[in-house]
C-alpha atoms as a PDB file:
ATOM      1  CA  MET A   1       0.000   0.000   0.000  1.00  0.00           C
ATOM      2  CA  ASN A   2       1.382   3.379  -1.012  1.00  0.00           C
ATOM      3  CA  GLU A   3       0.623   6.055   1.586  1.00  0.00           C
ATOM      4  CA  LYS A   4       0.830   9.687   0.622  1.00  0.00           C
ATOM      5  CA  LYS A   5       1.846  12.212   3.260  1.00  0.00           C
ATOM      6  CA  ILE A   6      -0.781  14.910   3.606  1.00  0.00           C
ATOM      7  CA  GLU A   7       0.728  18.262   4.491  1.00  0.00           C
ATOM      8  CA  LYS A   8      -1.112  20.654   6.761  1.00  0.00           C
ATOM      9  CA  PRO A   9      -1.880  24.040   5.260  1.00  0.00           C
ATOM     10  CA  LYS A  10       0.741  26.681   5.967  1.00  0.00           C
ATOM     11  CA  ARG A  11       0.001  28.705   9.116  1.00  0.00           C
ATOM     12  CA  ALA A  12       1.448  32.063  10.176  1.00  0.00           C
ATOM     13  CA  VAL A  13       1.039  34.422  13.107  1.00  0.00           C
ATOM     14  CA  ALA A  14       2.352  37.989  13.312  1.00  0.00           C
ATOM     15  CA  LEU A  15       2.991  39.695  16.622  1.00  0.00           C
ATOM     16  CA  GLY A  16       3.141  43.346  17.555  1.00  0.00           C
ATOM     17  CA  PHE A  17       5.001  44.920  20.449  1.00  0.00           C
ATOM     18  CA  GLU A  18       6.194  48.451  21.089  1.00  0.00           C
ATOM     19  CA  GLN A  19       8.576  48.682  24.018  1.00  0.00           C
ATOM     20  CA  GLY A  20       7.486  51.312  26.503  1.00  0.00           C
ATOM     21  CA  LYS A  21       3.935  51.347  25.127  1.00  0.00           C
ATOM     22  CA  ASP A  22       2.635  47.769  25.213  1.00  0.00           C
ATOM     23  CA  GLU A  23       2.568  45.619  28.333  1.00  0.00           C
ATOM     24  CA  ALA A  24       2.941  42.420  26.320  1.00  0.00           C
ATOM     25  CA  PRO A  25       3.244  41.306  22.696  1.00  0.00           C
ATOM     26  CA  TYR A  26      -0.095  40.796  20.949  1.00  0.00           C
ATOM     27  CA  VAL A  27      -1.461  39.098  17.830  1.00  0.00           C
ATOM     28  CA  ILE A  28      -1.739  41.439  14.843  1.00  0.00           C
ATOM     29  CA  ALA A  29      -2.374  38.817  12.141  1.00  0.00           C
ATOM     30  CA  SER A  30      -3.092  35.103  11.971  1.00  0.00           C
ATOM     31  CA  GLY A  31      -4.148  32.746   9.238  1.00  0.00           C
ATOM     32  CA  THR A  32      -3.699  29.569   7.238  1.00  0.00           C
ATOM     33  CA  GLY A  33      -3.188  28.798   3.566  1.00  0.00           C
ATOM     34  CA  LYS A  34      -3.272  31.862   1.326  1.00  0.00           C
ATOM     35  CA  VAL A  35      -3.713  34.201   4.308  1.00  0.00           C
ATOM     36  CA  ALA A  36      -0.565  32.742   5.897  1.00  0.00           C
ATOM     37  CA  GLU A  37       1.304  33.166   2.628  1.00  0.00           C
ATOM     38  CA  LYS A  38       0.222  36.828   2.468  1.00  0.00           C
ATOM     39  CA  ILE A  39       1.321  37.430   6.083  1.00  0.00           C
ATOM     40  CA  LEU A  40       4.756  36.006   5.241  1.00  0.00           C
ATOM     41  CA  GLU A  41       4.947  37.950   1.967  1.00  0.00           C
ATOM     42  CA  LEU A  42       4.163  41.244   3.723  1.00  0.00           C
ATOM     43  CA  ALA A  43       6.691  40.510   6.447  1.00  0.00           C
ATOM     44  CA  VAL A  44       9.415  39.966   3.854  1.00  0.00           C
ATOM     45  CA  GLU A  45       8.396  43.119   1.936  1.00  0.00           C
ATOM     46  CA  HIS A  46       8.703  45.182   5.135  1.00  0.00           C
ATOM     47  CA  GLY A  47      11.960  43.638   6.287  1.00  0.00           C
ATOM     48  CA  VAL A  48      10.423  41.834   9.248  1.00  0.00           C
ATOM     49  CA  PRO A  49      12.559  38.862  10.315  1.00  0.00           C
ATOM     50  CA  LEU A  50      10.892  35.453  10.013  1.00  0.00           C
ATOM     51  CA  ARG A  51      11.256  32.552  12.397  1.00  0.00           C
ATOM     52  CA  GLU A  52       9.684  29.115  12.067  1.00  0.00           C
ATOM     53  CA  ASP A  53       8.344  27.522  15.252  1.00  0.00           C
ATOM     54  CA  LYS A  54       5.414  25.243  14.449  1.00  0.00           C
ATOM     55  CA  GLU A  55       4.494  24.514  18.070  1.00  0.00           C
ATOM     56  CA  LEU A  56       4.455  28.192  19.030  1.00  0.00           C
ATOM     57  CA  VAL A  57       2.456  29.122  15.930  1.00  0.00           C
ATOM     58  CA  GLU A  58      -0.141  26.466  16.767  1.00  0.00           C
ATOM     59  CA  ALA A  59      -0.449  27.820  20.321  1.00  0.00           C
ATOM     60  CA  LEU A  60      -0.670  31.447  19.142  1.00  0.00           C
ATOM     61  CA  ALA A  61      -3.190  30.596  16.413  1.00  0.00           C
ATOM     62  CA  GLY A  62      -5.780  29.929  19.118  1.00  0.00           C
ATOM     63  CA  LEU A  63      -5.691  33.592  20.142  1.00  0.00           C
ATOM     64  CA  GLU A  64      -7.886  36.314  18.678  1.00  0.00           C
ATOM     65  CA  LEU A  65      -6.525  39.373  16.862  1.00  0.00           C
ATOM     66  CA  GLY A  66      -5.454  41.936  19.437  1.00  0.00           C
ATOM     67  CA  ASP A  67      -5.098  39.362  22.225  1.00  0.00           C
ATOM     68  CA  ALA A  68      -2.041  39.770  24.425  1.00  0.00           C
ATOM     69  CA  ILE A  69       0.262  36.782  24.725  1.00  0.00           C
ATOM     70  CA  PRO A  70      -0.784  34.695  27.751  1.00  0.00           C
ATOM     71  CA  ASP A  71       1.690  34.135  30.578  1.00  0.00           C
ATOM     72  CA  GLU A  72       2.279  30.486  29.631  1.00  0.00           C
ATOM     73  CA  LEU A  73       3.588  31.520  26.181  1.00  0.00           C
ATOM     74  CA  PHE A  74       5.538  34.571  27.293  1.00  0.00           C
ATOM     75  CA  ALA A  75       8.928  32.829  27.652  1.00  0.00           C
ATOM     76  CA  ALA A  76       8.705  31.328  24.146  1.00  0.00           C
ATOM     77  CA  VAL A  77       7.616  34.654  22.635  1.00  0.00           C
ATOM     78  CA  ALA A  78      10.362  36.510  24.529  1.00  0.00           C
ATOM     79  CA  GLU A  79      12.875  34.145  22.915  1.00  0.00           C
ATOM     80  CA  VAL A  80      11.496  35.086  19.487  1.00  0.00           C
ATOM     81  CA  LEU A  81      11.699  38.807  20.300  1.00  0.00           C
ATOM     82  CA  VAL A  82      15.343  38.408  21.366  1.00  0.00           C
ATOM     83  CA  PHE A  83      16.011  36.656  18.044  1.00  0.00           C
ATOM     84  CA  PHE A  84      14.370  39.541  16.126  1.00  0.00           C
ATOM     85  CA  GLU A  85      16.370  42.128  18.060  1.00  0.00           C
ATOM     86  CA  LYS A  86      19.602  40.275  17.259  1.00  0.00           C
ATOM     87  CA  VAL A  87      18.720  40.109  13.542  1.00  0.00           C
ATOM     88  CA  ASN A  88      17.890  43.830  13.504  1.00  0.00           C
ATOM     89  CA  ARG A  89      21.198  44.736  15.223  1.00  0.00           C
ATOM     90  CA  GLU A  90      23.135  42.629  12.705  1.00  0.00           C
ATOM     91  CA  ARG A  91      21.332  44.318   9.811  1.00  0.00           C
ATOM     92  CA  LYS A  92      22.250  47.763  11.144  1.00  0.00           C
ATOM     93  CA  ARG A  93      25.928  46.763  11.377  1.00  0.00           C
ATOM     94  CA  ALA A  94      25.978  45.453   7.790  1.00  0.00           C
END
């Protein structure tokens, strides 16, 4: 029997956070399939760093637009924000 692997549709979540203004990061966009592709496309167009973390995306996808990141996801999201900050610093040096 020949089994074919069925891939899940692409999923993406975008977060917003302005230091000094926001108490916690929050969901600004979320979607699957073509919506996810558009989120990723816009991120690339605007120079937003991308990071793949399927487990975190699945957890964040359950939130509504505008929802702040819950405490149980804060450490994982903080790790992503540190990654973004590092990428941005490296870009400025280049």
